[in-house]
N, C-alpha and C. Protein backbone atom coordinates (compact mmCIF):
# COMPACT_ATOMS: atom_id res chain seq x y z
N MET A 1 -6.55 2.31 11.43
CA MET A 1 -6.54 3.33 10.14
C MET A 1 -5.86 4.70 10.53
N SER A 2 -5.10 5.01 9.59
CA SER A 2 -4.47 6.39 9.72
C SER A 2 -5.34 7.51 9.29
N VAL A 3 -5.03 8.54 9.97
CA VAL A 3 -5.83 10.11 9.56
C VAL A 3 -4.66 10.63 8.98
N PHE A 4 -4.74 11.32 7.70
CA PHE A 4 -3.85 12.11 7.29
C PHE A 4 -4.05 13.57 7.21
N HIS A 5 -2.88 14.29 7.55
CA HIS A 5 -3.30 15.94 7.49
C HIS A 5 -3.37 16.23 6.14
N ASP A 6 -2.90 15.59 5.08
CA ASP A 6 -3.20 16.17 3.81
C ASP A 6 -2.59 15.09 2.85
N GLU A 7 -2.93 15.32 1.54
CA GLU A 7 -2.43 14.43 0.54
C GLU A 7 -1.39 15.37 -0.27
N VAL A 8 -0.44 15.17 -0.71
CA VAL A 8 0.69 16.03 -1.34
C VAL A 8 1.29 15.41 -2.48
N GLU A 9 1.51 16.10 -3.59
CA GLU A 9 2.02 15.49 -5.07
C GLU A 9 3.60 15.32 -4.55
N ILE A 10 4.20 14.10 -5.05
CA ILE A 10 5.52 14.02 -4.88
C ILE A 10 6.44 15.30 -5.40
N GLU A 11 5.90 15.73 -6.49
CA GLU A 11 6.41 17.07 -7.24
C GLU A 11 6.60 18.20 -6.28
N ASP A 12 5.70 18.21 -5.34
CA ASP A 12 5.85 19.31 -4.27
C ASP A 12 6.89 19.19 -3.03
N PHE A 13 7.44 17.89 -2.88
CA PHE A 13 8.44 17.70 -2.11
C PHE A 13 9.69 18.14 -2.68
N GLU A 14 10.67 18.60 -1.69
CA GLU A 14 12.13 18.79 -2.13
C GLU A 14 12.97 17.32 -1.84
N TYR A 15 13.80 17.21 -2.91
CA TYR A 15 14.56 15.87 -2.84
C TYR A 15 16.10 16.22 -2.56
N ASP A 16 16.59 15.71 -1.59
CA ASP A 16 17.90 15.57 -1.27
C ASP A 16 18.72 14.37 -1.82
N PRO A 17 19.32 14.53 -2.83
CA PRO A 17 20.14 13.37 -3.50
C PRO A 17 21.30 12.69 -2.46
N GLU A 18 21.82 13.52 -1.64
CA GLU A 18 22.84 12.79 -0.48
C GLU A 18 22.14 11.80 0.34
N THR A 19 20.98 12.23 0.84
CA THR A 19 20.15 11.40 1.81
C THR A 19 19.08 10.42 1.03
N GLU A 20 18.80 10.71 -0.18
CA GLU A 20 17.98 10.14 -1.02
C GLU A 20 16.58 10.36 -0.21
N THR A 21 16.21 11.59 0.38
CA THR A 21 15.03 11.63 0.97
C THR A 21 14.29 12.94 0.34
N TYR A 22 12.92 12.76 0.38
CA TYR A 22 11.86 13.87 0.13
C TYR A 22 11.43 14.28 1.42
N THR A 23 11.29 15.68 1.42
CA THR A 23 10.77 16.41 2.61
C THR A 23 9.81 17.46 1.97
N TYR A 24 8.74 17.73 2.95
CA TYR A 24 7.90 18.66 2.73
C TYR A 24 7.67 19.21 4.13
N PRO A 25 7.41 20.65 4.17
CA PRO A 25 7.24 21.62 5.45
C PRO A 25 6.01 21.05 6.13
N CYS A 26 6.27 20.78 7.39
CA CYS A 26 5.14 20.35 8.18
C CYS A 26 4.50 21.70 9.14
N PRO A 27 3.33 21.86 9.48
CA PRO A 27 2.61 22.92 10.46
C PRO A 27 3.54 23.04 11.55
N CYS A 28 4.21 22.11 12.18
CA CYS A 28 4.82 22.15 13.44
C CYS A 28 6.19 22.82 13.46
N GLY A 29 6.69 23.13 12.00
CA GLY A 29 7.90 23.68 11.91
C GLY A 29 9.05 22.81 11.36
N ASP A 30 8.87 21.42 11.60
CA ASP A 30 9.88 20.43 11.16
C ASP A 30 9.24 20.11 9.56
N LYS A 31 9.75 18.96 9.21
CA LYS A 31 9.34 18.44 7.72
C LYS A 31 9.18 17.00 7.72
N PHE A 32 7.98 16.69 6.72
CA PHE A 32 7.62 15.47 6.61
C PHE A 32 8.63 14.65 6.11
N GLU A 33 9.01 13.44 6.12
CA GLU A 33 10.11 12.91 5.27
C GLU A 33 9.59 11.60 4.84
N ILE A 34 10.02 11.23 3.65
CA ILE A 34 10.05 9.69 3.04
C ILE A 34 11.17 9.41 2.31
N THR A 35 11.94 8.31 2.23
CA THR A 35 12.87 8.08 1.49
C THR A 35 12.60 7.50 0.05
N ARG A 36 13.45 7.74 -0.91
CA ARG A 36 13.38 6.96 -2.16
C ARG A 36 13.01 5.56 -2.02
N GLU A 37 13.76 4.77 -1.04
CA GLU A 37 13.87 3.48 -0.97
C GLU A 37 12.28 3.04 -0.44
N GLU A 38 11.69 4.03 0.28
CA GLU A 38 10.35 3.60 0.89
C GLU A 38 9.28 3.92 -0.35
N LEU A 39 9.54 4.67 -1.24
CA LEU A 39 8.71 4.87 -2.42
C LEU A 39 8.78 3.76 -3.26
N ILE A 40 10.14 3.10 -3.28
CA ILE A 40 10.37 1.98 -4.39
C ILE A 40 9.43 0.77 -3.77
N ASP A 41 9.58 0.68 -2.39
CA ASP A 41 8.90 -0.32 -1.73
C ASP A 41 7.36 -0.07 -1.63
N GLY A 42 6.86 0.83 -2.19
CA GLY A 42 5.45 1.05 -2.42
C GLY A 42 4.82 1.84 -1.34
N GLU A 43 5.70 2.24 -0.26
CA GLU A 43 5.29 3.17 0.82
C GLU A 43 4.72 4.65 0.24
N ASP A 44 3.75 5.28 0.91
CA ASP A 44 3.08 6.42 0.57
C ASP A 44 2.62 7.27 1.60
N ILE A 45 3.22 7.00 2.83
CA ILE A 45 3.10 7.74 3.88
C ILE A 45 4.39 8.59 4.31
N ALA A 46 4.32 9.68 4.23
CA ALA A 46 5.45 10.53 4.91
C ALA A 46 5.15 11.03 6.34
N ARG A 47 5.99 10.93 7.27
CA ARG A 47 6.14 11.10 8.73
C ARG A 47 7.07 12.43 9.06
N CYS A 48 6.04 13.02 10.00
CA CYS A 48 6.99 14.11 10.38
C CYS A 48 7.74 13.78 11.73
N PRO A 49 8.97 13.81 12.04
CA PRO A 49 9.61 13.48 13.17
C PRO A 49 9.41 14.28 14.22
N GLY A 50 8.83 15.37 14.10
CA GLY A 50 8.72 16.36 15.11
C GLY A 50 7.43 16.33 15.84
N CYS A 51 6.45 15.60 15.15
CA CYS A 51 5.21 15.39 15.72
C CYS A 51 4.34 14.40 15.26
N SER A 52 3.19 14.00 15.34
CA SER A 52 2.48 12.84 14.90
C SER A 52 1.77 13.03 13.72
N LEU A 53 2.00 14.11 13.04
CA LEU A 53 1.24 14.26 11.66
C LEU A 53 1.87 13.50 10.57
N LEU A 54 0.88 12.90 9.57
CA LEU A 54 1.24 12.01 8.54
C LEU A 54 0.79 12.80 7.29
N VAL A 55 1.19 12.70 6.05
CA VAL A 55 0.65 12.96 4.82
C VAL A 55 0.85 11.80 4.01
N ARG A 56 -0.05 11.67 3.13
CA ARG A 56 -0.26 10.63 1.96
C ARG A 56 0.55 11.37 0.84
N VAL A 57 1.54 10.75 0.30
CA VAL A 57 2.43 10.96 -0.76
C VAL A 57 1.71 10.49 -2.22
N ILE A 58 1.22 11.45 -3.05
CA ILE A 58 0.69 11.02 -4.25
C ILE A 58 1.89 10.94 -5.38
N TYR A 59 1.95 9.63 -5.86
CA TYR A 59 3.10 9.51 -6.88
C TYR A 59 2.72 8.35 -7.62
N ASP A 60 3.52 8.08 -8.72
CA ASP A 60 3.23 7.20 -9.79
C ASP A 60 4.15 6.12 -9.43
N PRO A 61 3.93 4.83 -8.81
CA PRO A 61 4.93 3.93 -8.37
C PRO A 61 5.68 3.49 -9.68
N GLU A 62 5.14 3.44 -10.79
CA GLU A 62 5.84 2.86 -11.95
C GLU A 62 7.30 3.98 -12.31
N ASP A 63 7.20 5.13 -11.65
CA ASP A 63 8.41 5.95 -11.93
C ASP A 63 9.42 5.46 -11.07
N PHE A 64 9.22 4.96 -9.99
CA PHE A 64 10.33 4.30 -9.00
C PHE A 64 10.44 2.87 -9.34
N GLU A 65 9.57 2.04 -9.92
CA GLU A 65 9.98 0.77 -10.38
C GLU A 65 10.84 0.69 -11.39
N GLU A 66 11.04 1.77 -12.38
CA GLU A 66 12.12 1.66 -13.39
C GLU A 66 13.46 1.80 -12.79
N GLU A 67 13.67 2.65 -11.68
CA GLU A 67 14.84 2.87 -11.12
C GLU A 67 15.26 1.63 -10.63
N GLU A 68 14.42 0.92 -9.81
CA GLU A 68 14.71 -0.13 -9.17
C GLU A 68 15.19 -1.24 -10.28
N ASP A 69 14.47 -1.53 -11.41
CA ASP A 69 15.07 -2.30 -12.36
C ASP A 69 16.42 -1.98 -12.87
N GLU A 70 16.50 -0.68 -13.03
CA GLU A 70 17.98 -0.30 -13.64
C GLU A 70 18.96 -0.61 -12.50
N ALA A 71 18.74 -0.61 -11.22
CA ALA A 71 19.67 -0.78 -10.16
C ALA A 71 20.16 -2.35 -10.25
N GLU A 72 19.06 -3.18 -10.33
CA GLU A 72 19.11 -4.42 -10.52
C GLU A 72 19.88 -4.84 -11.91
N GLU A 73 19.91 -4.25 -12.81
CA GLU A 73 20.74 -4.53 -13.80
C GLU A 73 22.28 -4.22 -13.59
N LEU A 74 22.41 -3.33 -12.83
CA LEU A 74 23.89 -2.69 -12.67
C LEU A 74 24.59 -3.65 -11.52
N THR A 75 23.75 -4.56 -10.88
CA THR A 75 24.37 -5.26 -9.95
C THR A 75 25.13 -6.43 -10.44
N ILE A 76 26.39 -6.55 -9.96
CA ILE A 76 27.38 -7.52 -10.48
C ILE A 76 27.07 -8.70 -9.58
N PRO A 77 26.85 -9.87 -10.19
CA PRO A 77 26.65 -11.06 -9.51
C PRO A 77 27.84 -11.47 -8.64
N ASP A 78 27.89 -12.21 -7.83
CA ASP A 78 28.81 -12.67 -6.87
C ASP A 78 29.47 -13.86 -7.89
N GLU A 79 30.88 -13.65 -8.06
CA GLU A 79 31.67 -14.72 -8.73
C GLU A 79 32.57 -15.38 -7.84
N LYS A 80 32.56 -16.85 -8.00
CA LYS A 80 33.41 -17.39 -6.99
C LYS A 80 35.03 -17.43 -7.58
N PRO A 81 35.85 -17.11 -6.83
CA PRO A 81 37.42 -17.07 -7.26
C PRO A 81 37.75 -18.43 -7.84
N LYS A 82 38.63 -18.21 -8.80
CA LYS A 82 39.11 -19.55 -9.49
C LYS A 82 40.12 -19.89 -8.75
N ALA A 83 40.35 -21.15 -8.66
CA ALA A 83 41.39 -21.77 -7.82
C ALA A 83 42.75 -21.67 -8.77
N LEU A 84 43.74 -21.27 -8.07
CA LEU A 84 45.11 -21.43 -8.79
C LEU A 84 45.76 -22.61 -8.53
N ASN A 85 46.15 -23.20 -9.58
CA ASN A 85 46.90 -24.51 -9.52
C ASN A 85 48.11 -24.42 -10.19
């Protein structure tokens, strides 16, 4: 069982589109981090790489499921090359 430093709404995190990472200030001076991919996978724990603190991220998983569905729709299936005769 994990003990959380706090529970924080996803809206309170800062988002970096380049790394697709959400961050939130940690008392140690570093930042809690959780990636968009982790949120899509249902993860709700942001970790601070500078210390052992954890925060629970409060968010609506459905907001991230839609993004996953859209990404799947954009995926082009592998096509086998046609033989040249």
